[in-house]
N, C-alpha and C. Protein backbone atom coordinates (compact mmCIF):
# COMPACT_ATOMS: atom_id res chain seq x y z
N MET A 1 31.97 -45.27 -14.56
CA MET A 1 32.24 -46.18 -13.45
C MET A 1 31.53 -47.49 -13.74
N ASN A 2 32.25 -48.58 -13.70
CA ASN A 2 31.51 -49.83 -13.90
C ASN A 2 31.02 -50.33 -12.56
N ASN A 3 30.03 -51.16 -12.58
CA ASN A 3 29.36 -51.55 -11.34
C ASN A 3 30.01 -52.75 -10.67
N GLN A 4 31.32 -52.67 -10.51
CA GLN A 4 32.02 -53.67 -9.72
C GLN A 4 31.82 -53.27 -8.26
N GLN A 5 32.75 -53.68 -7.44
CA GLN A 5 32.64 -53.45 -6.01
C GLN A 5 32.44 -51.98 -5.67
N GLY A 6 33.44 -51.16 -5.91
CA GLY A 6 33.34 -49.74 -5.60
C GLY A 6 33.14 -49.48 -4.13
N LEU A 7 33.05 -48.22 -3.80
CA LEU A 7 32.83 -47.81 -2.42
C LEU A 7 31.41 -47.29 -2.28
N PHE A 8 30.80 -47.59 -1.16
CA PHE A 8 29.52 -47.01 -0.82
C PHE A 8 29.55 -46.78 0.68
N LEU A 9 29.65 -45.51 1.08
CA LEU A 9 29.75 -45.18 2.50
C LEU A 9 28.62 -44.23 2.87
N LYS A 10 28.11 -44.43 4.08
CA LYS A 10 27.02 -43.58 4.56
C LYS A 10 27.31 -43.24 6.02
N ARG A 11 27.13 -41.97 6.38
CA ARG A 11 27.36 -41.57 7.76
C ARG A 11 26.50 -40.36 8.09
N GLU A 12 26.03 -40.34 9.33
CA GLU A 12 25.23 -39.21 9.81
C GLU A 12 26.12 -38.27 10.62
N PHE A 13 25.96 -36.98 10.37
CA PHE A 13 26.71 -35.97 11.11
C PHE A 13 25.73 -35.06 11.85
N HIS A 14 26.10 -34.69 13.07
CA HIS A 14 25.24 -33.82 13.89
C HIS A 14 25.55 -32.36 13.56
N ALA A 15 25.21 -31.98 12.33
CA ALA A 15 25.45 -30.61 11.87
C ALA A 15 24.49 -30.35 10.70
N PRO A 16 24.12 -29.09 10.51
CA PRO A 16 23.23 -28.77 9.39
C PRO A 16 23.94 -28.99 8.04
N ARG A 17 23.15 -29.32 7.04
CA ARG A 17 23.68 -29.65 5.72
C ARG A 17 24.51 -28.50 5.14
N GLU A 18 24.07 -27.25 5.31
CA GLU A 18 24.82 -26.10 4.76
C GLU A 18 26.24 -26.07 5.31
N LEU A 19 26.40 -26.38 6.60
CA LEU A 19 27.73 -26.38 7.20
C LEU A 19 28.58 -27.54 6.66
N VAL A 20 27.98 -28.71 6.54
CA VAL A 20 28.72 -29.87 6.02
C VAL A 20 29.19 -29.56 4.59
N TYR A 21 28.30 -28.99 3.79
CA TYR A 21 28.67 -28.63 2.41
C TYR A 21 29.81 -27.61 2.41
N LYS A 22 29.70 -26.62 3.28
CA LYS A 22 30.70 -25.55 3.35
C LYS A 22 32.09 -26.12 3.66
N VAL A 23 32.19 -27.07 4.59
CA VAL A 23 33.51 -27.59 4.95
C VAL A 23 34.08 -28.52 3.88
N TRP A 24 33.24 -29.00 2.95
CA TRP A 24 33.70 -29.79 1.79
C TRP A 24 34.17 -28.89 0.66
N THR A 25 33.73 -27.62 0.63
CA THR A 25 33.93 -26.80 -0.55
C THR A 25 34.74 -25.53 -0.32
N GLU A 26 35.11 -25.23 0.91
CA GLU A 26 35.90 -24.02 1.18
C GLU A 26 37.28 -24.43 1.68
N PRO A 27 38.34 -23.90 1.02
CA PRO A 27 39.70 -24.33 1.33
C PRO A 27 40.11 -24.13 2.80
N ASP A 28 39.62 -23.06 3.43
CA ASP A 28 39.99 -22.81 4.82
C ASP A 28 39.46 -23.89 5.75
N HIS A 29 38.38 -24.55 5.34
CA HIS A 29 37.81 -25.64 6.13
C HIS A 29 38.37 -27.00 5.69
N PHE A 30 38.38 -27.24 4.38
CA PHE A 30 38.71 -28.56 3.84
C PHE A 30 40.08 -29.05 4.31
N GLY A 31 41.04 -28.17 4.35
CA GLY A 31 42.40 -28.54 4.77
C GLY A 31 42.51 -28.96 6.22
N ASN A 32 41.47 -28.67 7.01
CA ASN A 32 41.52 -29.00 8.44
C ASN A 32 41.06 -30.41 8.79
N TRP A 33 40.50 -31.12 7.82
CA TRP A 33 39.97 -32.45 8.18
C TRP A 33 40.17 -33.52 7.12
N TRP A 34 40.37 -33.18 5.85
CA TRP A 34 40.43 -34.17 4.77
C TRP A 34 41.74 -34.95 4.82
N GLY A 35 41.65 -36.25 4.57
CA GLY A 35 42.84 -37.08 4.39
C GLY A 35 43.01 -38.10 5.49
N PRO A 36 44.06 -38.92 5.35
CA PRO A 36 44.32 -39.96 6.35
C PRO A 36 44.58 -39.33 7.72
N GLN A 37 44.20 -40.05 8.76
CA GLN A 37 44.39 -39.54 10.12
C GLN A 37 45.86 -39.27 10.37
N GLY A 38 46.13 -38.11 10.98
CA GLY A 38 47.50 -37.74 11.30
C GLY A 38 48.20 -36.95 10.19
N PHE A 39 47.70 -37.06 8.97
CA PHE A 39 48.32 -36.33 7.86
C PHE A 39 47.87 -34.87 7.88
N THR A 40 48.70 -33.98 7.34
CA THR A 40 48.29 -32.60 7.15
C THR A 40 47.99 -32.41 5.67
N LEU A 41 47.14 -31.45 5.38
CA LEU A 41 46.78 -31.15 3.99
C LEU A 41 46.99 -29.67 3.73
N GLU A 42 47.81 -29.39 2.73
CA GLU A 42 47.97 -28.02 2.26
C GLU A 42 47.13 -27.89 1.00
N VAL A 43 46.15 -27.00 1.05
CA VAL A 43 45.29 -26.75 -0.12
C VAL A 43 45.97 -25.67 -0.97
N VAL A 44 46.40 -26.06 -2.17
CA VAL A 44 47.08 -25.14 -3.07
C VAL A 44 46.06 -24.40 -3.93
N LYS A 45 45.02 -25.13 -4.36
CA LYS A 45 44.00 -24.55 -5.22
C LYS A 45 42.68 -25.26 -4.92
N MET A 46 41.58 -24.50 -4.88
CA MET A 46 40.28 -25.11 -4.69
C MET A 46 39.23 -24.24 -5.38
N ASP A 47 38.80 -24.70 -6.54
CA ASP A 47 37.84 -23.98 -7.36
C ASP A 47 36.65 -24.91 -7.59
N VAL A 48 35.68 -24.84 -6.67
CA VAL A 48 34.56 -25.78 -6.68
C VAL A 48 33.46 -25.30 -7.61
N ARG A 49 33.57 -25.73 -8.87
CA ARG A 49 32.57 -25.47 -9.91
C ARG A 49 32.80 -26.52 -10.99
N PRO A 50 31.81 -26.82 -11.81
CA PRO A 50 32.03 -27.82 -12.86
C PRO A 50 33.24 -27.43 -13.72
N GLY A 51 34.20 -28.34 -13.84
CA GLY A 51 35.43 -28.07 -14.58
C GLY A 51 36.52 -27.47 -13.71
N GLY A 52 36.17 -27.04 -12.51
CA GLY A 52 37.15 -26.46 -11.58
C GLY A 52 37.99 -27.55 -10.94
N MET A 53 39.08 -27.14 -10.27
CA MET A 53 40.03 -28.11 -9.75
C MET A 53 40.42 -27.82 -8.31
N PHE A 54 40.63 -28.91 -7.58
CA PHE A 54 41.27 -28.87 -6.27
C PHE A 54 42.65 -29.47 -6.46
N LEU A 55 43.66 -28.85 -5.87
CA LEU A 55 45.01 -29.39 -5.86
C LEU A 55 45.55 -29.26 -4.45
N GLY A 56 46.04 -30.36 -3.91
CA GLY A 56 46.54 -30.32 -2.54
C GLY A 56 47.67 -31.29 -2.31
N CYS A 57 48.37 -31.05 -1.20
CA CYS A 57 49.53 -31.86 -0.84
C CYS A 57 49.35 -32.40 0.57
N GLN A 58 49.36 -33.73 0.70
CA GLN A 58 49.23 -34.36 2.01
C GLN A 58 50.61 -34.81 2.49
N LYS A 59 50.86 -34.59 3.79
CA LYS A 59 52.13 -35.01 4.38
C LYS A 59 51.86 -35.87 5.60
N SER A 60 52.65 -36.95 5.72
CA SER A 60 52.52 -37.82 6.89
C SER A 60 53.08 -37.09 8.12
N PRO A 61 52.70 -37.57 9.32
CA PRO A 61 53.14 -36.91 10.55
C PRO A 61 54.67 -36.77 10.63
N ASP A 62 55.41 -37.75 10.13
CA ASP A 62 56.87 -37.69 10.20
C ASP A 62 57.49 -36.96 9.00
N GLY A 63 56.65 -36.51 8.06
CA GLY A 63 57.13 -35.78 6.90
C GLY A 63 57.77 -36.66 5.83
N GLN A 64 57.78 -37.97 6.05
CA GLN A 64 58.43 -38.89 5.10
C GLN A 64 57.60 -39.14 3.85
N HIS A 65 56.28 -39.09 4.01
CA HIS A 65 55.39 -39.38 2.88
C HIS A 65 54.69 -38.10 2.44
N VAL A 66 54.88 -37.73 1.19
CA VAL A 66 54.25 -36.55 0.62
C VAL A 66 53.50 -37.01 -0.63
N MET A 67 52.20 -36.73 -0.66
CA MET A 67 51.39 -37.14 -1.81
C MET A 67 50.58 -35.94 -2.30
N TRP A 68 50.65 -35.70 -3.60
CA TRP A 68 49.83 -34.67 -4.22
C TRP A 68 48.59 -35.33 -4.80
N GLY A 69 47.49 -34.61 -4.76
CA GLY A 69 46.27 -35.12 -5.33
C GLY A 69 45.45 -34.00 -5.92
N LYS A 70 44.59 -34.39 -6.85
CA LYS A 70 43.71 -33.38 -7.44
C LYS A 70 42.32 -33.95 -7.62
N PHE A 71 41.35 -33.04 -7.60
CA PHE A 71 39.97 -33.34 -7.95
C PHE A 71 39.65 -32.46 -9.15
N VAL A 72 38.89 -32.99 -10.08
CA VAL A 72 38.29 -32.15 -11.11
C VAL A 72 36.78 -32.30 -10.91
N TYR A 73 36.15 -31.19 -10.55
CA TYR A 73 34.72 -31.21 -10.23
C TYR A 73 33.89 -31.36 -11.50
N GLN A 74 32.94 -32.28 -11.47
CA GLN A 74 32.05 -32.55 -12.61
C GLN A 74 30.69 -31.91 -12.41
N GLU A 75 30.19 -31.99 -11.18
CA GLU A 75 28.84 -31.51 -10.88
C GLU A 75 28.87 -30.88 -9.50
N VAL A 76 28.27 -29.71 -9.37
CA VAL A 76 28.23 -29.00 -8.10
C VAL A 76 26.80 -28.49 -7.90
N GLN A 77 26.11 -29.04 -6.91
CA GLN A 77 24.75 -28.60 -6.58
C GLN A 77 24.71 -28.28 -5.08
N ALA A 78 24.97 -27.01 -4.76
CA ALA A 78 24.96 -26.62 -3.35
C ALA A 78 23.53 -26.69 -2.83
N PRO A 79 23.31 -27.17 -1.60
CA PRO A 79 24.26 -27.81 -0.70
C PRO A 79 24.10 -29.33 -0.67
N GLU A 80 23.68 -29.92 -1.80
CA GLU A 80 23.31 -31.34 -1.71
C GLU A 80 24.18 -32.34 -2.46
N LYS A 81 24.98 -31.87 -3.43
CA LYS A 81 25.69 -32.87 -4.24
C LYS A 81 26.99 -32.32 -4.81
N LEU A 82 28.03 -33.17 -4.76
CA LEU A 82 29.31 -32.89 -5.41
C LEU A 82 29.73 -34.15 -6.15
N VAL A 83 30.19 -34.00 -7.39
CA VAL A 83 30.71 -35.12 -8.15
C VAL A 83 32.09 -34.68 -8.65
N TRP A 84 33.10 -35.52 -8.38
CA TRP A 84 34.44 -35.17 -8.82
C TRP A 84 35.23 -36.41 -9.21
N VAL A 85 36.25 -36.17 -10.06
CA VAL A 85 37.19 -37.22 -10.43
C VAL A 85 38.47 -36.94 -9.67
N GLN A 86 38.91 -37.94 -8.92
CA GLN A 86 40.07 -37.80 -8.04
C GLN A 86 41.24 -38.57 -8.61
N SER A 87 42.43 -37.95 -8.54
CA SER A 87 43.64 -38.58 -9.05
C SER A 87 44.83 -38.20 -8.18
N PHE A 88 45.86 -39.03 -8.22
CA PHE A 88 47.14 -38.62 -7.68
C PHE A 88 47.77 -37.72 -8.74
N SER A 89 48.56 -36.76 -8.29
CA SER A 89 49.14 -35.81 -9.25
C SER A 89 50.52 -35.36 -8.78
N ASP A 90 51.18 -34.61 -9.66
CA ASP A 90 52.39 -33.92 -9.24
C ASP A 90 51.97 -32.52 -8.77
N GLU A 91 52.95 -31.70 -8.39
CA GLU A 91 52.59 -30.39 -7.84
C GLU A 91 51.99 -29.43 -8.87
N GLU A 92 52.10 -29.79 -10.16
CA GLU A 92 51.46 -28.97 -11.20
C GLU A 92 50.03 -29.43 -11.50
N GLY A 93 49.64 -30.58 -10.95
CA GLY A 93 48.30 -31.09 -11.20
C GLY A 93 48.24 -32.10 -12.33
N SER A 94 49.39 -32.51 -12.86
CA SER A 94 49.40 -33.57 -13.89
C SER A 94 49.18 -34.91 -13.21
N ILE A 95 48.32 -35.74 -13.79
CA ILE A 95 47.99 -37.04 -13.21
C ILE A 95 49.21 -37.96 -13.23
N ILE A 96 49.45 -38.62 -12.10
CA ILE A 96 50.53 -39.61 -12.00
C ILE A 96 49.97 -40.89 -11.37
N ARG A 97 50.75 -41.94 -11.43
CA ARG A 97 50.39 -43.21 -10.78
C ARG A 97 50.47 -43.05 -9.27
N ALA A 98 49.63 -43.79 -8.56
CA ALA A 98 49.65 -43.78 -7.09
C ALA A 98 51.01 -44.29 -6.61
N PRO A 99 51.57 -43.67 -5.58
CA PRO A 99 52.88 -44.09 -5.09
C PRO A 99 52.88 -45.48 -4.46
N PHE A 100 51.71 -45.96 -4.05
CA PHE A 100 51.64 -47.24 -3.33
C PHE A 100 51.30 -48.43 -4.20
N ASN A 101 50.85 -48.20 -5.45
CA ASN A 101 50.46 -49.33 -6.29
C ASN A 101 50.50 -48.90 -7.77
N PRO A 102 51.38 -49.53 -8.56
CA PRO A 102 51.51 -49.14 -9.97
C PRO A 102 50.27 -49.46 -10.80
N HIS A 103 49.34 -50.25 -10.25
CA HIS A 103 48.12 -50.61 -10.99
C HIS A 103 46.88 -49.87 -10.48
N TRP A 104 47.07 -48.93 -9.53
CA TRP A 104 45.94 -48.17 -9.02
C TRP A 104 45.36 -47.35 -10.18
N PRO A 105 44.01 -47.29 -10.30
CA PRO A 105 43.40 -46.51 -11.39
C PRO A 105 43.86 -45.05 -11.36
N LEU A 106 44.04 -44.47 -12.53
CA LEU A 106 44.46 -43.07 -12.63
C LEU A 106 43.34 -42.13 -12.19
N GLU A 107 42.09 -42.55 -12.38
CA GLU A 107 40.96 -41.68 -12.04
C GLU A 107 39.91 -42.45 -11.26
N ILE A 108 39.43 -41.82 -10.19
CA ILE A 108 38.35 -42.38 -9.38
C ILE A 108 37.20 -41.37 -9.40
N LEU A 109 36.01 -41.84 -9.77
CA LEU A 109 34.83 -40.98 -9.76
C LEU A 109 34.19 -41.06 -8.37
N ASN A 110 33.92 -39.91 -7.77
CA ASN A 110 33.27 -39.84 -6.46
C ASN A 110 31.97 -39.06 -6.57
N ILE A 111 30.93 -39.58 -5.93
CA ILE A 111 29.63 -38.91 -5.89
C ILE A 111 29.24 -38.74 -4.42
N LEU A 112 29.18 -37.49 -3.99
CA LEU A 112 28.85 -37.16 -2.61
C LEU A 112 27.46 -36.55 -2.59
N THR A 113 26.57 -37.09 -1.74
CA THR A 113 25.27 -36.47 -1.54
C THR A 113 25.08 -36.19 -0.06
N LEU A 114 24.42 -35.07 0.20
CA LEU A 114 24.14 -34.63 1.57
C LEU A 114 22.64 -34.43 1.69
N GLU A 115 22.06 -35.09 2.68
CA GLU A 115 20.61 -35.02 2.89
C GLU A 115 20.37 -34.57 4.33
N GLU A 116 19.57 -33.52 4.49
CA GLU A 116 19.26 -33.05 5.84
C GLU A 116 18.06 -33.81 6.41
N VAL A 117 18.26 -34.37 7.59
CA VAL A 117 17.21 -35.13 8.27
C VAL A 117 17.18 -34.69 9.73
N ASP A 118 16.10 -34.01 10.11
CA ASP A 118 15.93 -33.55 11.51
C ASP A 118 17.14 -32.77 12.01
N GLY A 119 17.65 -31.84 11.21
CA GLY A 119 18.76 -31.00 11.64
C GLY A 119 20.13 -31.67 11.57
N LYS A 120 20.15 -32.94 11.21
CA LYS A 120 21.41 -33.65 11.03
C LYS A 120 21.63 -33.82 9.53
N THR A 121 22.82 -34.24 9.15
CA THR A 121 23.13 -34.44 7.74
C THR A 121 23.53 -35.88 7.50
N VAL A 122 22.88 -36.53 6.56
CA VAL A 122 23.25 -37.88 6.15
C VAL A 122 24.10 -37.74 4.89
N LEU A 123 25.35 -38.17 5.02
CA LEU A 123 26.30 -38.09 3.92
C LEU A 123 26.41 -39.46 3.26
N THR A 124 26.35 -39.50 1.95
CA THR A 124 26.57 -40.73 1.20
C THR A 124 27.70 -40.46 0.21
N LEU A 125 28.68 -41.35 0.19
CA LEU A 125 29.79 -41.23 -0.75
C LEU A 125 29.92 -42.53 -1.52
N GLN A 126 29.81 -42.42 -2.85
CA GLN A 126 30.00 -43.57 -3.73
C GLN A 126 31.22 -43.29 -4.59
N GLY A 127 32.02 -44.30 -4.81
CA GLY A 127 33.20 -44.08 -5.62
C GLY A 127 33.63 -45.34 -6.34
N GLY A 128 34.36 -45.13 -7.43
CA GLY A 128 34.90 -46.26 -8.17
C GLY A 128 35.73 -45.79 -9.35
N PRO A 129 36.52 -46.68 -9.90
CA PRO A 129 37.42 -46.33 -11.00
C PRO A 129 36.67 -45.86 -12.24
N LEU A 130 37.30 -44.96 -12.96
CA LEU A 130 36.79 -44.43 -14.21
C LEU A 130 37.76 -44.84 -15.31
N HIS A 131 37.25 -45.38 -16.39
CA HIS A 131 38.09 -45.80 -17.53
C HIS A 131 39.21 -46.75 -17.10
N ALA A 132 38.94 -47.65 -16.18
CA ALA A 132 39.98 -48.53 -15.64
C ALA A 132 40.18 -49.76 -16.52
N THR A 133 41.43 -50.21 -16.59
CA THR A 133 41.72 -51.50 -17.21
C THR A 133 41.31 -52.59 -16.24
N ALA A 134 41.26 -53.83 -16.69
CA ALA A 134 40.92 -54.95 -15.80
C ALA A 134 41.91 -55.02 -14.64
N GLU A 135 43.18 -54.76 -14.92
CA GLU A 135 44.21 -54.80 -13.89
C GLU A 135 44.00 -53.69 -12.86
N GLU A 136 43.65 -52.50 -13.34
CA GLU A 136 43.38 -51.39 -12.43
C GLU A 136 42.13 -51.65 -11.59
N GLN A 137 41.10 -52.20 -12.21
CA GLN A 137 39.88 -52.53 -11.47
C GLN A 137 40.18 -53.55 -10.37
N ALA A 138 40.98 -54.54 -10.70
CA ALA A 138 41.35 -55.58 -9.71
C ALA A 138 42.13 -54.96 -8.55
N ALA A 139 43.05 -54.05 -8.86
CA ALA A 139 43.83 -53.38 -7.80
C ALA A 139 42.90 -52.58 -6.90
N TYR A 140 41.93 -51.89 -7.52
CA TYR A 140 40.98 -51.09 -6.76
C TYR A 140 40.12 -51.99 -5.87
N ASP A 141 39.58 -53.05 -6.46
CA ASP A 141 38.71 -53.96 -5.70
C ASP A 141 39.46 -54.56 -4.51
N ALA A 142 40.74 -54.90 -4.72
CA ALA A 142 41.54 -55.50 -3.64
C ALA A 142 41.74 -54.52 -2.49
N MET A 143 41.82 -53.23 -2.81
CA MET A 143 42.09 -52.22 -1.77
C MET A 143 40.83 -51.52 -1.27
N ALA A 144 39.67 -51.81 -1.85
CA ALA A 144 38.44 -51.11 -1.46
C ALA A 144 38.14 -51.21 0.04
N PRO A 145 38.31 -52.39 0.67
CA PRO A 145 38.04 -52.44 2.12
C PRO A 145 38.97 -51.52 2.91
N MET A 146 40.24 -51.44 2.51
CA MET A 146 41.19 -50.56 3.19
C MET A 146 40.83 -49.09 2.94
N ALA A 147 40.39 -48.79 1.72
CA ALA A 147 39.97 -47.42 1.40
C ALA A 147 38.76 -47.03 2.25
N ALA A 148 37.82 -47.95 2.40
CA ALA A 148 36.63 -47.68 3.22
C ALA A 148 37.04 -47.38 4.66
N LYS A 149 37.99 -48.15 5.16
CA LYS A 149 38.48 -47.93 6.53
C LYS A 149 39.16 -46.56 6.65
N GLY A 150 39.91 -46.20 5.61
CA GLY A 150 40.56 -44.89 5.60
C GLY A 150 39.54 -43.76 5.64
N PHE A 151 38.45 -43.93 4.90
CA PHE A 151 37.39 -42.92 4.91
C PHE A 151 36.72 -42.83 6.27
N GLU A 152 36.62 -43.95 6.99
CA GLU A 152 36.05 -43.89 8.35
C GLU A 152 36.86 -42.94 9.20
N GLY A 153 38.19 -43.03 9.10
CA GLY A 153 39.07 -42.12 9.85
C GLY A 153 38.89 -40.68 9.41
N THR A 154 38.79 -40.47 8.10
CA THR A 154 38.58 -39.13 7.56
C THR A 154 37.24 -38.58 8.05
N PHE A 155 36.20 -39.41 8.04
CA PHE A 155 34.88 -38.96 8.49
C PHE A 155 34.87 -38.67 9.99
N GLU A 156 35.69 -39.38 10.74
CA GLU A 156 35.82 -39.10 12.17
C GLU A 156 36.42 -37.71 12.35
N GLN A 157 37.45 -37.40 11.56
CA GLN A 157 38.04 -36.05 11.61
C GLN A 157 37.02 -35.01 11.19
N LEU A 158 36.20 -35.33 10.19
CA LEU A 158 35.16 -34.41 9.74
C LEU A 158 34.16 -34.16 10.88
N ALA A 159 33.74 -35.22 11.56
CA ALA A 159 32.78 -35.08 12.68
C ALA A 159 33.35 -34.17 13.77
N ASN A 160 34.62 -34.39 14.11
CA ASN A 160 35.28 -33.56 15.13
C ASN A 160 35.38 -32.12 14.68
N TYR A 161 35.74 -31.93 13.42
CA TYR A 161 35.87 -30.57 12.90
C TYR A 161 34.52 -29.86 12.88
N LEU A 162 33.48 -30.56 12.44
CA LEU A 162 32.13 -29.97 12.42
C LEU A 162 31.70 -29.54 13.81
N SER A 163 31.97 -30.37 14.82
CA SER A 163 31.55 -30.00 16.18
C SER A 163 32.30 -28.75 16.65
N SER A 164 33.51 -28.51 16.15
CA SER A 164 34.25 -27.30 16.52
C SER A 164 33.69 -26.06 15.81
N GLN A 165 32.89 -26.26 14.78
CA GLN A 165 32.33 -25.15 13.99
C GLN A 165 30.90 -24.77 14.41
N LEU A 166 30.30 -25.57 15.29
CA LEU A 166 28.91 -25.30 15.69
C LEU A 166 28.81 -24.28 16.80
């Protein structure tokens, strides 16, 4: 990841760290909150270990937009850290270009850390392109504010889901 703009998001959740980690790493939980607001997520595969893969299909509320995505986990330290490379994919898990931008980077590195503070969990998510061309980096930088906003919605869904699990 080069040190261009990238994403840096931080949010506190009113839930213990073990629970926050569990809903990031177990398919029965992850599918209930991950993704853009209003979208559904079907988890096809979720093998959370170094070299393991997540494969899932997101659908828009009207069913018109269907996007496949995959994670390849690089580092897994329960319950405090997950590192993965995220890509758009086909239903077999082969990397494809993003449907919304032909210059979107093929791979995004994400680093998630969870820190327990007074019974709450402070989540930090850093992300940015991996092996990106200048054109891909520029496309990413241009969309980073929108991506950050999208994650706010996803984190809102996570907060709601966590409160239903307490």
